[in-house]
Amino acid sequence: MPNYTFLCPACGEFTLLLNMTRDNKQSTACPTCNTIAKRVFKPPMTLRMDSKVKKRIKNGMKPRVVKKENMPKKPYKKSAVSRPWQAGH
C-alpha cells in the first residue's frame, strides 16, 4: 500500500498509508481536526538511490543505437545435429 500526503488547511501536512483500490485519493478527512484535506504530490526520494538506477530514470525510454561494428563478434557455430528441428530420440 502506498503512502499519500495530504495538506490540511488547519493542521498542515500529514501522510496516510492507503489502499490503491480506494476510489477517491484526491481528498480525505484530516485525522486530527476532521476537515477535508487535499492531496499533495511528493516526488520519489532519489537521493539514496543507486547511481545506475538514477541514470536509467534520467534517460527514460530513450532507445539505444547499436551499430553493426559494435556488436560482439561471435564465430558461426555449426549445429551438431544434422536435423535440428527433430528431437533427439
PDB file of N, CA and C in Angstrom:
ATOM      1  N   MET A   1       0.845  -1.178   0.000  1.00  0.00           N
ATOM      2  CA  MET A   1       0.000   0.000   0.000  1.00  0.00           C
ATOM      3  C   MET A   1       0.890   1.240   0.000  1.00  0.00           C
ATOM      4  N   PRO A   2       0.595   2.191  -0.875  1.00  0.00           N
ATOM      5  CA  PRO A   2       1.419   3.394  -0.971  1.00  0.00           C
ATOM      6  C   PRO A   2       1.056   4.448   0.073  1.00  0.00           C
ATOM      7  N   ASN A   3       2.017   5.327   0.326  1.00  0.00           N
ATOM      8  CA  ASN A   3       1.805   6.477   1.206  1.00  0.00           C
ATOM      9  C   ASN A   3       1.267   7.634   0.374  1.00  0.00           C
ATOM     10  N   TYR A   4       0.289   8.333   0.901  1.00  0.00           N
ATOM     11  CA  TYR A   4      -0.265   9.526   0.270  1.00  0.00           C
ATOM     12  C   TYR A   4      -0.134  10.682   1.252  1.00  0.00           C
ATOM     13  N   THR A   5       0.345  11.833   0.747  1.00  0.00           N
ATOM     14  CA  THR A   5       0.499  13.020   1.582  1.00  0.00           C
ATOM     15  C   THR A   5      -0.649  13.978   1.286  1.00  0.00           C
ATOM     16  N   PHE A   6      -1.238  14.496   2.347  1.00  0.00           N
ATOM     17  CA  PHE A   6      -2.361  15.432   2.240  1.00  0.00           C
ATOM     18  C   PHE A   6      -2.008  16.705   2.981  1.00  0.00           C
ATOM     19  N   LEU A   7      -2.658  17.825   2.593  1.00  0.00           N
ATOM     20  CA  LEU A   7      -2.439  19.115   3.235  1.00  0.00           C
ATOM     21  C   LEU A   7      -3.751  19.595   3.838  1.00  0.00           C
ATOM     22  N   CYS A   8      -3.759  19.663   5.184  1.00  0.00           N
ATOM     23  CA  CYS A   8      -4.918  20.168   5.919  1.00  0.00           C
ATOM     24  C   CYS A   8      -4.740  21.675   6.087  1.00  0.00           C
ATOM     25  N   PRO A   9      -5.763  22.484   5.799  1.00  0.00           N
ATOM     26  CA  PRO A   9      -5.606  23.938   5.954  1.00  0.00           C
ATOM     27  C   PRO A   9      -5.346  24.364   7.398  1.00  0.00           C
ATOM     28  N   ALA A  10      -5.792  23.581   8.364  1.00  0.00           N
ATOM     29  CA  ALA A  10      -5.612  23.948   9.769  1.00  0.00           C
ATOM     30  C   ALA A  10      -4.364  23.314  10.390  1.00  0.00           C
ATOM     31  N   CYS A  11      -4.115  22.034  10.098  1.00  0.00           N
ATOM     32  CA  CYS A  11      -3.046  21.291  10.789  1.00  0.00           C
ATOM     33  C   CYS A  11      -1.752  21.154   9.996  1.00  0.00           C
ATOM     34  N   GLY A  12      -1.801  21.311   8.686  1.00  0.00           N
ATOM     35  CA  GLY A  12      -0.610  21.145   7.850  1.00  0.00           C
ATOM     36  C   GLY A  12      -0.594  19.781   7.172  1.00  0.00           C
ATOM     37  N   GLU A  13       0.609  19.356   6.756  1.00  0.00           N
ATOM     38  CA  GLU A  13       0.747  18.094   6.020  1.00  0.00           C
ATOM     39  C   GLU A  13       0.686  16.884   6.935  1.00  0.00           C
ATOM     40  N   PHE A  14       0.108  15.811   6.398  1.00  0.00           N
ATOM     41  CA  PHE A  14       0.136  14.511   7.071  1.00  0.00           C
ATOM     42  C   PHE A  14       0.152  13.430   6.002  1.00  0.00           C
ATOM     43  N   THR A  15       0.667  12.266   6.351  1.00  0.00           N
ATOM     44  CA  THR A  15       0.805  11.157   5.414  1.00  0.00           C
ATOM     45  C   THR A  15      -0.007   9.971   5.902  1.00  0.00           C
ATOM     46  N   LEU A  16      -0.736   9.351   4.964  1.00  0.00           N
ATOM     47  CA  LEU A  16      -1.537   8.177   5.281  1.00  0.00           C
ATOM     48  C   LEU A  16      -1.146   7.020   4.381  1.00  0.00           C
ATOM     49  N   LEU A  17      -1.213   5.826   4.910  1.00  0.00           N
ATOM     50  CA  LEU A  17      -0.992   4.615   4.150  1.00  0.00           C
ATOM     51  C   LEU A  17      -2.363   4.119   3.699  1.00  0.00           C
ATOM     52  N   LEU A  18      -2.648   4.257   2.393  1.00  0.00           N
ATOM     53  CA  LEU A  18      -3.977   3.938   1.879  1.00  0.00           C
ATOM     54  C   LEU A  18      -3.920   2.834   0.832  1.00  0.00           C
ATOM     55  N   ASN A  19      -5.017   2.131   0.695  1.00  0.00           N
ATOM     56  CA  ASN A  19      -5.146   1.082  -0.295  1.00  0.00           C
ATOM     57  C   ASN A  19      -5.257   1.703  -1.686  1.00  0.00           C
ATOM     58  N   MET A  20      -4.632   1.097  -2.677  1.00  0.00           N
ATOM     59  CA  MET A  20      -4.666   1.643  -4.039  1.00  0.00           C
ATOM     60  C   MET A  20      -6.038   1.530  -4.684  1.00  0.00           C
ATOM     61  N   THR A  21      -6.882   0.631  -4.215  1.00  0.00           N
ATOM     62  CA  THR A  21      -8.189   0.442  -4.826  1.00  0.00           C
ATOM     63  C   THR A  21      -9.219   1.454  -4.338  1.00  0.00           C
ATOM     64  N   ARG A  22      -8.830   2.293  -3.405  1.00  0.00           N
ATOM     65  CA  ARG A  22      -9.740   3.321  -2.906  1.00  0.00           C
ATOM     66  C   ARG A  22     -10.083   4.273  -4.046  1.00  0.00           C
ATOM     67  N   ASP A  23     -11.361   4.622  -4.197  1.00  0.00           N
ATOM     68  CA  ASP A  23     -11.813   5.397  -5.351  1.00  0.00           C
ATOM     69  C   ASP A  23     -11.289   6.829  -5.370  1.00  0.00           C
ATOM     70  N   ASN A  24     -11.425   7.570  -4.278  1.00  0.00           N
ATOM     71  CA  ASN A  24     -11.087   8.982  -4.270  1.00  0.00           C
ATOM     72  C   ASN A  24      -9.852   9.228  -3.408  1.00  0.00           C
ATOM     73  N   LYS A  25      -8.703   9.385  -4.051  1.00  0.00           N
ATOM     74  CA  LYS A  25      -7.463   9.639  -3.317  1.00  0.00           C
ATOM     75  C   LYS A  25      -7.091  11.123  -3.349  1.00  0.00           C
ATOM     76  N   GLN A  26      -7.936  11.969  -3.943  1.00  0.00           N
ATOM     77  CA  GLN A  26      -7.601  13.381  -4.081  1.00  0.00           C
ATOM     78  C   GLN A  26      -7.874  14.191  -2.822  1.00  0.00           C
ATOM     79  N   SER A  27      -8.746  13.695  -1.955  1.00  0.00           N
ATOM     80  CA  SER A  27      -9.013  14.387  -0.695  1.00  0.00           C
ATOM     81  C   SER A  27      -9.461  13.376   0.344  1.00  0.00           C
ATOM     82  N   THR A  28      -9.239  13.722   1.607  1.00  0.00           N
ATOM     83  CA  THR A  28      -9.636  12.860   2.723  1.00  0.00           C
ATOM     84  C   THR A  28      -9.814  13.725   3.965  1.00  0.00           C
ATOM     85  N   ALA A  29     -10.370  13.154   4.991  1.00  0.00           N
ATOM     86  CA  ALA A  29     -10.558  13.889   6.248  1.00  0.00           C
ATOM     87  C   ALA A  29      -9.265  13.865   7.060  1.00  0.00           C
ATOM     88  N   CYS A  30      -8.942  15.005   7.646  1.00  0.00           N
ATOM     89  CA  CYS A  30      -7.752  15.112   8.494  1.00  0.00           C
ATOM     90  C   CYS A  30      -7.971  14.270   9.752  1.00  0.00           C
ATOM     91  N   PRO A  31      -6.988  13.445  10.149  1.00  0.00           N
ATOM     92  CA  PRO A  31      -7.172  12.619  11.334  1.00  0.00           C
ATOM     93  C   PRO A  31      -7.223  13.426  12.640  1.00  0.00           C
ATOM     94  N   THR A  32      -6.715  14.660  12.638  1.00  0.00           N
ATOM     95  CA  THR A  32      -6.694  15.480  13.851  1.00  0.00           C
ATOM     96  C   THR A  32      -7.964  16.305  14.002  1.00  0.00           C
ATOM     97  N   CYS A  33      -8.290  17.118  12.975  1.00  0.00           N
ATOM     98  CA  CYS A  33      -9.418  18.049  13.099  1.00  0.00           C
ATOM     99  C   CYS A  33     -10.627  17.667  12.246  1.00  0.00           C
ATOM    100  N   ASN A  34     -10.513  16.627  11.436  1.00  0.00           N
ATOM    101  CA  ASN A  34     -11.602  16.082  10.638  1.00  0.00           C
ATOM    102  C   ASN A  34     -12.085  17.014   9.516  1.00  0.00           C
ATOM    103  N   THR A  35     -11.255  17.996   9.098  1.00  0.00           N
ATOM    104  CA  THR A  35     -11.607  18.829   7.947  1.00  0.00           C
ATOM    105  C   THR A  35     -11.091  18.155   6.680  1.00  0.00           C
ATOM    106  N   ILE A  36     -11.606  18.583   5.539  1.00  0.00           N
ATOM    107  CA  ILE A  36     -11.200  17.996   4.262  1.00  0.00           C
ATOM    108  C   ILE A  36      -9.804  18.503   3.893  1.00  0.00           C
ATOM    109  N   ALA A  37      -8.907  17.549   3.602  1.00  0.00           N
ATOM    110  CA  ALA A  37      -7.536  17.870   3.211  1.00  0.00           C
ATOM    111  C   ALA A  37      -7.302  17.389   1.791  1.00  0.00           C
ATOM    112  N   LYS A  38      -6.619  18.201   0.986  1.00  0.00           N
ATOM    113  CA  LYS A  38      -6.338  17.857  -0.403  1.00  0.00           C
ATOM    114  C   LYS A  38      -4.987  17.162  -0.510  1.00  0.00           C
ATOM    115  N   ARG A  39      -4.896  16.287  -1.490  1.00  0.00           N
ATOM    116  CA  ARG A  39      -3.666  15.527  -1.695  1.00  0.00           C
ATOM    117  C   ARG A  39      -2.573  16.408  -2.275  1.00  0.00           C
ATOM    118  N   VAL A  40      -1.331  16.183  -1.824  1.00  0.00           N
ATOM    119  CA  VAL A  40      -0.156  16.910  -2.282  1.00  0.00           C
ATOM    120  C   VAL A  40       0.765  15.920  -2.969  1.00  0.00           C
ATOM    121  N   PHE A  41       1.290  16.297  -4.148  1.00  0.00           N
ATOM    122  CA  PHE A  41       2.217  15.424  -4.855  1.00  0.00           C
ATOM    123  C   PHE A  41       3.606  15.551  -4.245  1.00  0.00           C
ATOM    124  N   LYS A  42       4.202  14.429  -3.877  1.00  0.00           N
ATOM    125  CA  LYS A  42       5.570  14.379  -3.370  1.00  0.00           C
ATOM    126  C   LYS A  42       6.379  13.495  -4.309  1.00  0.00           C
ATOM    127  N   PRO A  43       7.414  14.044  -4.969  1.00  0.00           N
ATOM    128  CA  PRO A  43       8.204  13.212  -5.867  1.00  0.00           C
ATOM    129  C   PRO A  43       8.980  12.150  -5.079  1.00  0.00           C
ATOM    130  N   PRO A  44       9.322  11.031  -5.713  1.00  0.00           N
ATOM    131  CA  PRO A  44      10.064   9.991  -5.004  1.00  0.00           C
ATOM    132  C   PRO A  44      11.446  10.473  -4.611  1.00  0.00           C
ATOM    133  N   MET A  45      11.918  10.019  -3.470  1.00  0.00           N
ATOM    134  CA  MET A  45      13.227  10.433  -2.968  1.00  0.00           C
ATOM    135  C   MET A  45      14.308   9.588  -3.634  1.00  0.00           C
ATOM    136  N   THR A  46      15.086  10.231  -4.500  1.00  0.00           N
ATOM    137  CA  THR A  46      16.118   9.512  -5.238  1.00  0.00           C
ATOM    138  C   THR A  46      17.519   9.778  -4.695  1.00  0.00           C
ATOM    139  N   LEU A  47      17.619  10.450  -3.569  1.00  0.00           N
ATOM    140  CA  LEU A  47      18.918  10.804  -3.019  1.00  0.00           C
ATOM    141  C   LEU A  47      19.755   9.572  -2.694  1.00  0.00           C
ATOM    142  N   ARG A  48      19.158   8.567  -2.105  1.00  0.00           N
ATOM    143  CA  ARG A  48      19.895   7.374  -1.693  1.00  0.00           C
ATOM    144  C   ARG A  48      19.787   6.230  -2.697  1.00  0.00           C
ATOM    145  N   MET A  49      19.287   6.527  -3.863  1.00  0.00           N
ATOM    146  CA  MET A  49      19.110   5.509  -4.885  1.00  0.00           C
ATOM    147  C   MET A  49      20.456   5.203  -5.559  1.00  0.00           C
ATOM    148  N   ASP A  50      20.610   3.994  -6.065  1.00  0.00           N
ATOM    149  CA  ASP A  50      21.813   3.575  -6.762  1.00  0.00           C
ATOM    150  C   ASP A  50      22.023   4.453  -8.001  1.00  0.00           C
ATOM    151  N   SER A  51      23.283   4.776  -8.307  1.00  0.00           N
ATOM    152  CA  SER A  51      23.576   5.681  -9.418  1.00  0.00           C
ATOM    153  C   SER A  51      23.140   5.094 -10.760  1.00  0.00           C
ATOM    154  N   LYS A  52      23.197   3.774 -10.912  1.00  0.00           N
ATOM    155  CA  LYS A  52      22.763   3.160 -12.168  1.00  0.00           C
ATOM    156  C   LYS A  52      21.254   3.326 -12.359  1.00  0.00           C
ATOM    157  N   VAL A  53      20.502   3.203 -11.268  1.00  0.00           N
ATOM    158  CA  VAL A  53      19.054   3.368 -11.339  1.00  0.00           C
ATOM    159  C   VAL A  53      18.713   4.825 -11.641  1.00  0.00           C
ATOM    160  N   LYS A  54      19.412   5.764 -11.001  1.00  0.00           N
ATOM    161  CA  LYS A  54      19.186   7.185 -11.270  1.00  0.00           C
ATOM    162  C   LYS A  54      19.435   7.515 -12.741  1.00  0.00           C
ATOM    163  N   LYS A  55      20.523   6.956 -13.281  1.00  0.00           N
ATOM    164  CA  LYS A  55      20.871   7.215 -14.675  1.00  0.00           C
ATOM    165  C   LYS A  55      19.800   6.643 -15.605  1.00  0.00           C
ATOM    166  N   ARG A  56      19.277   5.468 -15.274  1.00  0.00           N
ATOM    167  CA  ARG A  56      18.237   4.841 -16.086  1.00  0.00           C
ATOM    168  C   ARG A  56      16.955   5.673 -16.052  1.00  0.00           C
ATOM    169  N   ILE A  57      16.600   6.200 -14.881  1.00  0.00           N
ATOM    170  CA  ILE A  57      15.414   7.052 -14.760  1.00  0.00           C
ATOM    171  C   ILE A  57      15.610   8.333 -15.573  1.00  0.00           C
ATOM    172  N   LYS A  58      16.803   8.907 -15.496  1.00  0.00           N
ATOM    173  CA  LYS A  58      17.092  10.147 -16.212  1.00  0.00           C
ATOM    174  C   LYS A  58      17.001   9.946 -17.726  1.00  0.00           C
ATOM    175  N   ASN A  59      17.528   8.817 -18.209  1.00  0.00           N
ATOM    176  CA  ASN A  59      17.499   8.540 -19.647  1.00  0.00           C
ATOM    177  C   ASN A  59      16.110   8.144 -20.123  1.00  0.00           C
ATOM    178  N   GLY A  60      15.307   7.621 -19.226  1.00  0.00           N
ATOM    179  CA  GLY A  60      13.950   7.242 -19.589  1.00  0.00           C
ATOM    180  C   GLY A  60      13.929   6.128 -20.611  1.00  0.00           C
ATOM    181  N   MET A  61      13.043   6.249 -21.555  1.00  0.00           N
ATOM    182  CA  MET A  61      12.874   5.212 -22.556  1.00  0.00           C
ATOM    183  C   MET A  61      13.583   5.582 -23.865  1.00  0.00           C
ATOM    184  N   LYS A  62      14.682   6.324 -23.766  1.00  0.00           N
ATOM    185  CA  LYS A  62      15.425   6.706 -24.952  1.00  0.00           C
ATOM    186  C   LYS A  62      16.016   5.446 -25.591  1.00  0.00           C
ATOM    187  N   PRO A  63      15.770   5.206 -26.882  1.00  0.00           N
ATOM    188  CA  PRO A  63      16.293   3.992 -27.500  1.00  0.00           C
ATOM    189  C   PRO A  63      17.816   4.032 -27.623  1.00  0.00           C
ATOM    190  N   ARG A  64      18.408   2.888 -27.528  1.00  0.00           N
ATOM    191  CA  ARG A  64      19.861   2.775 -27.668  1.00  0.00           C
ATOM    192  C   ARG A  64      20.182   2.437 -29.121  1.00  0.00           C
ATOM    193  N   VAL A  65      21.126   3.161 -29.699  1.00  0.00           N
ATOM    194  CA  VAL A  65      21.538   2.916 -31.067  1.00  0.00           C
ATOM    195  C   VAL A  65      22.768   2.024 -31.021  1.00  0.00           C
ATOM    196  N   VAL A  66      22.669   0.878 -31.700  1.00  0.00           N
ATOM    197  CA  VAL A  66      23.779  -0.063 -31.744  1.00  0.00           C
ATOM    198  C   VAL A  66      24.160  -0.268 -33.202  1.00  0.00           C
ATOM    199  N   LYS A  67      25.435  -0.040 -33.504  1.00  0.00           N
ATOM    200  CA  LYS A  67      25.917  -0.223 -34.871  1.00  0.00           C
ATOM    201  C   LYS A  67      26.454  -1.639 -35.031  1.00  0.00           C
ATOM    202  N   LYS A  68      26.493  -2.081 -36.278  1.00  0.00           N
ATOM    203  CA  LYS A  68      26.963  -3.427 -36.584  1.00  0.00           C
ATOM    204  C   LYS A  68      28.414  -3.614 -36.138  1.00  0.00           C
ATOM    205  N   GLU A  69      29.215  -2.575 -36.256  1.00  0.00           N
ATOM    206  CA  GLU A  69      30.624  -2.665 -35.870  1.00  0.00           C
ATOM    207  C   GLU A  69      30.791  -2.883 -34.359  1.00  0.00           C
ATOM    208  N   ASN A  70      29.834  -2.415 -33.588  1.00  0.00           N
ATOM    209  CA  ASN A  70      29.918  -2.517 -32.128  1.00  0.00           C
ATOM    210  C   ASN A  70      29.306  -3.794 -31.568  1.00  0.00           C
ATOM    211  N   MET A  71      28.701  -4.600 -32.444  1.00  0.00           N
ATOM    212  CA  MET A  71      28.111  -5.848 -31.993  1.00  0.00           C
ATOM    213  C   MET A  71      29.216  -6.835 -31.624  1.00  0.00           C
ATOM    214  N   PRO A  72      28.972  -7.706 -30.644  1.00  0.00           N
ATOM    215  CA  PRO A  72      30.007  -8.681 -30.281  1.00  0.00           C
ATOM    216  C   PRO A  72      30.249  -9.660 -31.429  1.00  0.00           C
ATOM    217  N   LYS A  73      31.516  -9.993 -31.619  1.00  0.00           N
ATOM    218  CA  LYS A  73      31.899 -10.913 -32.691  1.00  0.00           C
ATOM    219  C   LYS A  73      31.762 -12.341 -32.192  1.00  0.00           C
ATOM    220  N   LYS A  74      30.839 -13.088 -32.805  1.00  0.00           N
ATOM    221  CA  LYS A  74      30.642 -14.494 -32.459  1.00  0.00           C
ATOM    222  C   LYS A  74      30.902 -15.317 -33.706  1.00  0.00           C
ATOM    223  N   PRO A  75      31.766 -16.288 -33.592  1.00  0.00           N
ATOM    224  CA  PRO A  75      32.000 -17.127 -34.771  1.00  0.00           C
ATOM    225  C   PRO A  75      30.772 -17.994 -35.054  1.00  0.00           C
ATOM    226  N   TYR A  76      30.575 -18.287 -36.335  1.00  0.00           N
ATOM    227  CA  TYR A  76      29.458 -19.128 -36.737  1.00  0.00           C
ATOM    228  C   TYR A  76      29.689 -20.521 -36.185  1.00  0.00           C
ATOM    229  N   LYS A  77      28.691 -21.056 -35.510  1.00  0.00           N
ATOM    230  CA  LYS A  77      28.806 -22.375 -34.897  1.00  0.00           C
ATOM    231  C   LYS A  77      27.853 -23.322 -35.617  1.00  0.00           C
ATOM    232  N   LYS A  78      28.432 -24.337 -36.257  1.00  0.00           N
ATOM    233  CA  LYS A  78      27.613 -25.306 -36.972  1.00  0.00           C
ATOM    234  C   LYS A  78      26.907 -26.204 -35.974  1.00  0.00           C
ATOM    235  N   SER A  79      25.659 -26.516 -36.249  1.00  0.00           N
ATOM    236  CA  SER A  79      24.859 -27.352 -35.373  1.00  0.00           C
ATOM    237  C   SER A  79      25.420 -28.771 -35.339  1.00  0.00           C
ATOM    238  N   ALA A  80      25.444 -29.385 -34.166  1.00  0.00           N
ATOM    239  CA  ALA A  80      25.941 -30.751 -34.014  1.00  0.00           C
ATOM    240  C   ALA A  80      24.928 -31.759 -34.528  1.00  0.00           C
ATOM    241  N   VAL A  81      23.686 -31.371 -34.595  1.00  0.00           N
ATOM    242  CA  VAL A  81      22.615 -32.254 -35.055  1.00  0.00           C
ATOM    243  C   VAL A  81      22.352 -31.946 -36.526  1.00  0.00           C
ATOM    244  N   SER A  82      22.228 -33.004 -37.343  1.00  0.00           N
ATOM    245  CA  SER A  82      22.012 -32.776 -38.786  1.00  0.00           C
ATOM    246  C   SER A  82      20.619 -32.242 -39.070  1.00  0.00           C
ATOM    247  N   ARG A  83      19.660 -32.601 -38.230  1.00  0.00           N
ATOM    248  CA  ARG A  83      18.284 -32.110 -38.377  1.00  0.00           C
ATOM    249  C   ARG A  83      17.863 -31.458 -37.060  1.00  0.00           C
ATOM    250  N   PRO A  84      18.150 -30.166 -36.861  1.00  0.00           N
ATOM    251  CA  PRO A  84      17.907 -29.522 -35.575  1.00  0.00           C
ATOM    252  C   PRO A  84      16.431 -29.423 -35.191  1.00  0.00           C
ATOM    253  N   TRP A  85      15.514 -29.553 -36.176  1.00  0.00           N
ATOM    254  CA  TRP A  85      14.100 -29.478 -35.861  1.00  0.00           C
ATOM    255  C   TRP A  85      13.572 -30.756 -35.255  1.00  0.00           C
ATOM    256  N   GLN A  86      14.342 -31.820 -35.304  1.00  0.00           N
ATOM    257  CA  GLN A  86      13.925 -33.096 -34.713  1.00  0.00           C
ATOM    258  C   GLN A  86      14.505 -33.240 -33.318  1.00  0.00           C
ATOM    259  N   ALA A  87      13.698 -33.735 -32.419  1.00  0.00           N
ATOM    260  CA  ALA A  87      14.178 -34.003 -31.073  1.00  0.00           C
ATOM    261  C   ALA A  87      15.027 -35.278 -31.093  1.00  0.00           C
ATOM    262  N   GLY A  88      16.079 -35.261 -30.291  1.00  0.00           N
ATOM    263  CA  GLY A  88      16.938 -36.448 -30.243  1.00  0.00           C
ATOM    264  C   GLY A  88      16.252 -37.604 -29.579  1.00  0.00           C
ATOM    265  N   HIS A  89      16.035 -38.725 -30.294  1.00  0.00           N
ATOM    266  CA  HIS A  89      15.367 -39.904 -29.745  1.00  0.00           C
ATOM    267  C   HIS A  89      16.350 -41.022 -29.604  1.00  0.00           C
TER     268      HIS A  89
END
